[in-house]
Amino acid sequence: MAVTAADVKNLRDRTNLPMMDCKAALTEVGGDMEKAVDLLRKKFANATAKFAAREAAEGRIAVFIDPVKKVGAILEMRCETAPVVKSDAFVAMANDLVKHIAEKNPADVATLLTQEISAGKTVQDRISEVIGLIRENMKPERFKRVEGDMGEYIHHDGSVGVLLQVSGPGDKAVLRDISMHIAARSPLAALREEVPAELIAKETEIAKDQLANDAKNKNKPANIMEMILEGKLKTWFAENVLIDQLFVKDDSKTIAELFKGMGVSLKGFTRYRVGEK
């Protein structure tokens, strides 16, 4: 059976692989489209190992929310070079994978790779197709899936993303602004009660040492010193805990006030920056 240009284009559209590879596969199987698809899947699944040893230090964050089913996910997808981060094929794959994670709830990355993402195709197959197209290592680094009401933000270059969990639908624009605030300010915790006790104890000791070493405090009574100490800790919380922070777009408001204005409460957030742990 003769291999036509239309056949090659059809196979290219189905696999996202280079035209020459598609033509060679069709020629090898005598023009049988399904056999060619299978051949390329096998070929590029094997080829993935060739790229797997190479460092994948670049990448992008993808976020997906289904407001009807009230599920969402955030994913860090890695690649080797900065230009690939912006490529249509890589962006589309990251978006496909994060949607799959929200819908199928894999336990971990290893499980994710083995799950079927479309008819007869696993997540690893989907990644291998793009590896074959772009010729560099790619892998899902980490992800988190959550349920309930959410907001989200992704920085324009995909380097930072946030998935925000709240107690009700809220205002989408405000939730996005708060998510953007989280991306910019990188709070240590959502709420004070989430801050480890040992960290609070450490900050308390540091504040006490600062007060003790300040000559201005030498003759101040204990109750005044206690008030100053409480003020220092309040300032630390306002710098490091989301609910206490001043809103980055309007420092006349706290994040707590934004939530109160929406009539919803903060449940938590996940902030990913490519390369961070």
Protein backbone atom coordinates (compact mmCIF):
# COMPACT_ATOMS: atom_id res chain seq x y z
CA MET A 1 0.00 0.00 0.00
CA ALA A 2 1.45 3.37 -1.06
CA VAL A 3 2.14 5.92 1.68
CA THR A 4 0.67 9.32 0.81
CA ALA A 5 1.47 12.76 2.17
CA ALA A 6 -2.06 12.83 3.63
CA ASP A 7 -1.36 9.57 5.51
CA VAL A 8 1.84 11.01 6.96
CA LYS A 9 0.05 14.19 8.05
CA ASN A 10 -2.74 12.16 9.62
CA LEU A 11 -0.23 10.11 11.62
CA ARG A 12 1.64 13.29 12.59
CA ASP A 13 -1.61 14.82 13.86
CA ARG A 14 -2.38 11.72 15.89
CA THR A 15 1.06 11.29 17.45
CA ASN A 16 2.69 14.76 17.46
CA LEU A 17 5.87 13.07 16.22
CA PRO A 18 8.19 14.31 13.44
CA MET A 19 7.06 13.82 9.82
CA MET A 20 10.07 11.70 8.91
CA ASP A 21 9.40 9.29 11.79
CA CYS A 22 5.76 9.06 10.75
CA LYS A 23 6.66 8.36 7.13
CA ALA A 24 9.21 5.71 8.13
CA ALA A 25 6.68 4.00 10.42
CA LEU A 26 3.98 3.92 7.74
CA THR A 27 6.43 2.56 5.19
CA GLU A 28 7.58 -0.17 7.59
CA VAL A 29 4.01 -1.41 8.24
CA GLY A 30 2.82 -1.07 4.65
CA GLY A 31 0.64 1.97 5.25
CA ASP A 32 -1.49 0.47 8.06
CA MET A 33 -2.34 3.51 10.22
CA GLU A 34 -3.10 1.65 13.47
CA LYS A 35 0.01 -0.49 13.20
CA ALA A 36 2.04 2.67 12.56
CA VAL A 37 0.62 4.27 15.71
CA ASP A 38 1.54 1.19 17.74
CA LEU A 39 5.01 1.07 16.20
CA LEU A 40 5.70 4.71 17.07
CA ARG A 41 4.40 4.25 20.61
CA LYS A 42 6.77 1.33 21.12
CA LYS A 43 9.65 3.14 19.46
CA PHE A 44 9.34 6.32 21.47
CA ALA A 45 8.51 4.57 24.74
CA ASN A 46 11.88 2.87 24.34
CA ALA A 47 13.52 6.10 23.26
CA THR A 48 12.36 7.79 26.46
CA ALA A 49 15.08 5.91 28.38
CA LYS A 50 17.70 7.64 26.25
CA PHE A 51 16.57 11.02 27.55
CA ALA A 52 15.66 9.98 31.11
CA ALA A 53 19.21 10.29 32.46
CA ARG A 54 19.46 13.93 31.38
CA GLU A 55 18.74 16.61 33.97
CA ALA A 56 15.29 18.18 33.79
CA ALA A 57 15.77 21.41 35.73
CA GLU A 58 13.31 23.62 33.83
CA GLY A 59 9.56 23.24 33.75
CA ARG A 60 6.18 24.78 34.40
CA ILE A 61 3.33 24.60 36.87
CA ALA A 62 -0.13 23.58 35.66
CA VAL A 63 -3.41 23.95 37.56
CA PHE A 64 -6.87 22.57 36.84
CA ILE A 65 -10.17 23.15 38.68
CA ASP A 66 -13.54 21.58 37.95
CA PRO A 67 -16.01 23.89 39.75
CA VAL A 68 -18.93 21.51 39.13
CA LYS A 69 -17.32 18.36 40.53
CA LYS A 70 -15.34 20.51 43.00
CA VAL A 71 -12.00 18.84 42.38
CA GLY A 72 -8.71 20.40 41.42
CA ALA A 73 -5.02 19.66 41.05
CA ILE A 74 -1.66 21.36 40.73
CA LEU A 75 1.29 19.78 38.91
CA GLU A 76 4.98 20.55 38.45
CA MET A 77 6.05 19.24 35.04
CA ARG A 78 9.78 19.25 34.29
CA CYS A 79 11.79 19.54 31.07
CA GLU A 80 15.41 20.30 30.19
CA THR A 81 15.45 23.75 28.59
CA ALA A 82 13.67 27.06 29.02
CA PRO A 83 12.33 27.36 25.43
CA VAL A 84 10.43 24.08 25.79
CA VAL A 85 8.52 25.50 28.79
CA LYS A 86 6.64 27.77 26.38
CA SER A 87 6.16 25.25 23.56
CA ASP A 88 2.57 24.42 22.64
CA ALA A 89 3.15 20.66 22.88
CA PHE A 90 4.65 20.86 26.38
CA VAL A 91 1.98 23.24 27.68
CA ALA A 92 -0.83 21.09 26.25
CA MET A 93 0.66 17.95 27.79
CA ALA A 94 0.99 19.58 31.24
CA ASN A 95 -2.62 20.74 31.04
CA ASP A 96 -3.79 17.27 29.98
CA LEU A 97 -1.93 15.64 32.86
CA VAL A 98 -3.15 18.01 35.59
CA LYS A 99 -6.75 17.55 34.44
CA HIS A 100 -6.24 13.77 34.49
CA ILE A 101 -4.85 14.00 38.05
CA ALA A 102 -7.92 15.93 39.23
CA GLU A 103 -10.29 13.43 37.62
CA LYS A 104 -8.50 10.12 38.33
CA ASN A 105 -6.78 10.81 41.67
CA PRO A 106 -3.53 8.84 41.26
CA ALA A 107 -1.75 7.98 44.51
CA ASP A 108 1.69 9.12 43.35
CA VAL A 109 3.81 9.85 40.28
CA ALA A 110 4.56 6.16 39.65
CA THR A 111 0.85 5.34 39.62
CA LEU A 112 0.08 8.37 37.45
CA LEU A 113 2.45 7.19 34.72
CA THR A 114 0.69 3.83 34.38
CA GLN A 115 -2.88 5.19 34.24
CA GLU A 116 -4.80 5.33 30.97
CA ILE A 117 -5.27 8.91 29.82
CA SER A 118 -7.08 8.10 26.56
CA ALA A 119 -8.13 4.99 24.66
CA GLY A 120 -5.22 2.55 24.82
CA LYS A 121 -2.73 5.24 25.84
CA THR A 122 -1.10 5.67 29.26
CA VAL A 123 0.18 8.90 30.76
CA GLN A 124 3.71 7.68 30.06
CA ASP A 125 2.74 7.16 26.42
CA ARG A 126 1.46 10.74 26.31
CA ILE A 127 4.74 12.04 27.73
CA SER A 128 6.80 9.83 25.41
CA GLU A 129 5.04 11.29 22.38
CA VAL A 130 6.13 14.79 23.36
CA ILE A 131 9.64 13.59 24.21
CA GLY A 132 9.80 12.11 20.72
CA LEU A 133 8.66 15.39 19.22
CA ILE A 134 10.90 17.74 21.20
CA ARG A 135 13.82 15.39 21.91
CA GLU A 136 14.48 16.13 25.57
CA ASN A 137 13.70 14.63 28.97
CA MET A 138 10.32 15.40 30.54
CA LYS A 139 8.72 14.14 33.72
CA PRO A 140 6.03 14.97 36.27
CA GLU A 141 7.94 16.01 39.40
CA ARG A 142 5.11 16.34 41.94
CA PHE A 143 1.41 17.03 42.19
CA LYS A 144 -1.41 17.52 44.67
CA ARG A 145 -5.14 16.89 44.23
CA VAL A 146 -7.76 18.56 46.44
CA GLU A 147 -11.54 18.65 46.77
CA GLY A 148 -13.91 21.50 47.57
CA ASP A 149 -14.06 25.14 46.54
CA MET A 150 -10.87 26.64 45.12
CA GLY A 151 -9.10 29.54 43.53
CA GLU A 152 -5.94 29.49 41.45
CA TYR A 153 -3.15 31.51 39.88
CA ILE A 154 -0.32 30.72 37.48
CA HIS A 155 2.46 33.20 36.75
CA HIS A 156 2.64 34.22 33.09
CA ASP A 157 5.77 32.10 32.46
CA GLY A 158 4.45 29.06 34.34
CA SER A 159 7.26 29.21 36.90
CA VAL A 160 4.93 29.59 39.92
CA GLY A 161 1.42 28.32 40.55
CA VAL A 162 -1.02 28.31 43.45
CA LEU A 163 -4.08 26.23 44.29
CA LEU A 164 -6.12 27.89 47.06
CA GLN A 165 -8.69 25.98 49.14
CA VAL A 166 -11.63 27.80 50.74
CA SER A 167 -14.89 26.98 52.53
CA GLY A 168 -17.26 28.25 49.82
CA PRO A 169 -17.43 29.54 46.24
CA GLY A 170 -16.36 33.08 47.09
CA ASP A 171 -15.54 35.71 44.46
CA LYS A 172 -13.39 34.20 41.68
CA ALA A 173 -11.56 37.45 41.00
CA VAL A 174 -10.70 37.94 44.69
CA LEU A 175 -9.65 34.30 45.04
CA ARG A 176 -7.35 34.75 42.06
CA ASP A 177 -5.89 37.90 43.63
CA ILE A 178 -5.24 36.07 46.89
CA SER A 179 -3.64 33.22 44.95
CA MET A 180 -1.45 35.75 43.15
CA HIS A 181 -0.54 37.22 46.55
CA ILE A 182 0.54 33.74 47.73
CA ALA A 183 2.69 33.33 44.62
CA ALA A 184 4.37 36.68 45.28
CA ARG A 185 4.76 36.56 49.08
CA SER A 186 5.31 32.81 49.63
CA PRO A 187 3.83 32.56 53.15
CA LEU A 188 5.10 29.78 55.41
CA ALA A 189 1.60 28.72 56.43
CA ALA A 190 -2.05 29.52 55.77
CA LEU A 191 -3.10 29.87 59.43
CA ARG A 192 -1.25 30.48 62.70
CA GLU A 193 -2.16 27.04 64.02
CA GLU A 194 -0.28 25.48 61.11
CA VAL A 195 3.04 27.02 62.18
CA PRO A 196 5.13 24.38 64.00
CA ALA A 197 5.37 25.00 67.74
CA GLU A 198 9.16 24.71 67.64
CA LEU A 199 9.37 27.50 65.04
CA ILE A 200 7.22 29.81 67.19
CA ALA A 201 9.40 28.96 70.19
CA LYS A 202 12.52 29.79 68.19
CA GLU A 203 11.12 33.14 67.03
CA THR A 204 10.05 33.91 70.60
CA GLU A 205 13.58 33.30 71.89
CA ILE A 206 15.06 35.47 69.15
CA ALA A 207 12.65 38.29 70.04
CA LYS A 208 13.46 37.96 73.76
CA ASP A 209 17.19 38.14 73.03
CA GLN A 210 16.67 41.25 70.89
CA LEU A 211 14.73 42.93 73.70
CA ALA A 212 17.27 41.93 76.34
CA ASN A 213 20.16 43.32 74.28
CA ASP A 214 18.45 46.66 73.62
CA ALA A 215 19.59 49.23 76.21
CA LYS A 216 16.35 51.16 75.81
CA ASN A 217 14.48 48.31 77.51
CA LYS A 218 16.72 48.13 80.61
CA ASN A 219 14.32 49.71 83.08
CA LYS A 220 10.97 48.81 81.49
CA PRO A 221 8.54 46.82 83.66
CA ALA A 222 7.79 43.16 82.87
CA ASN A 223 4.26 43.81 81.61
CA ILE A 224 5.53 46.36 79.07
CA MET A 225 8.24 43.96 77.94
CA GLU A 226 5.58 41.29 77.47
CA MET A 227 3.51 43.65 75.31
CA ILE A 228 6.55 44.49 73.19
CA LEU A 229 7.28 40.78 72.79
CA GLU A 230 3.70 40.12 71.69
CA GLY A 231 4.02 42.94 69.17
CA LYS A 232 7.19 41.44 67.70
CA LEU A 233 5.51 38.05 67.32
CA LYS A 234 2.45 39.68 65.76
CA THR A 235 4.75 41.35 63.22
CA TRP A 236 6.41 37.99 62.48
CA PHE A 237 3.02 36.35 61.89
CA ALA A 238 2.01 39.25 59.61
CA GLU A 239 5.12 38.62 57.53
CA ASN A 240 4.91 34.82 57.37
CA VAL A 241 1.30 33.61 57.82
CA LEU A 242 -1.12 34.16 54.95
CA ILE A 243 -4.23 35.04 56.95
CA ASP A 244 -2.28 37.77 58.82
CA GLN A 245 -0.47 39.28 55.84
CA LEU A 246 -1.25 42.64 54.30
CA PHE A 247 -2.66 42.24 50.80
CA VAL A 248 0.10 42.80 48.26
CA LYS A 249 -2.19 44.81 45.93
CA ASP A 250 -3.66 46.98 48.72
CA ASP A 251 -1.77 47.14 52.01
CA SER A 252 -4.68 48.86 53.73
CA LYS A 253 -6.34 45.43 53.89
CA THR A 254 -5.30 42.12 55.41
CA ILE A 255 -5.92 38.76 53.76
CA ALA A 256 -8.25 37.98 56.69
CA GLU A 257 -10.37 41.01 55.74
CA LEU A 258 -10.60 39.85 52.12
CA PHE A 259 -11.92 36.47 53.23
CA LYS A 260 -14.37 38.10 55.64
CA GLY A 261 -15.64 40.32 52.84
CA MET A 262 -16.37 37.26 50.68
CA GLY A 263 -18.06 35.37 53.52
CA VAL A 264 -15.75 32.37 53.17
CA SER A 265 -12.89 31.04 55.28
CA LEU A 266 -9.39 29.91 54.37
CA LYS A 267 -8.73 26.17 54.42
CA GLY A 268 -5.24 25.97 52.93
CA PHE A 269 -3.09 26.42 49.85
CA THR A 270 -0.46 24.69 47.74
CA ARG A 271 2.24 26.84 46.17
CA TYR A 272 4.67 25.32 43.67
CA ARG A 273 7.68 27.03 42.15
CA VAL A 274 9.62 25.06 39.55
CA GLY A 275 12.70 23.57 41.20
CA GLU A 276 11.67 24.30 44.80
CA LYS A 277 11.07 21.61 47.40
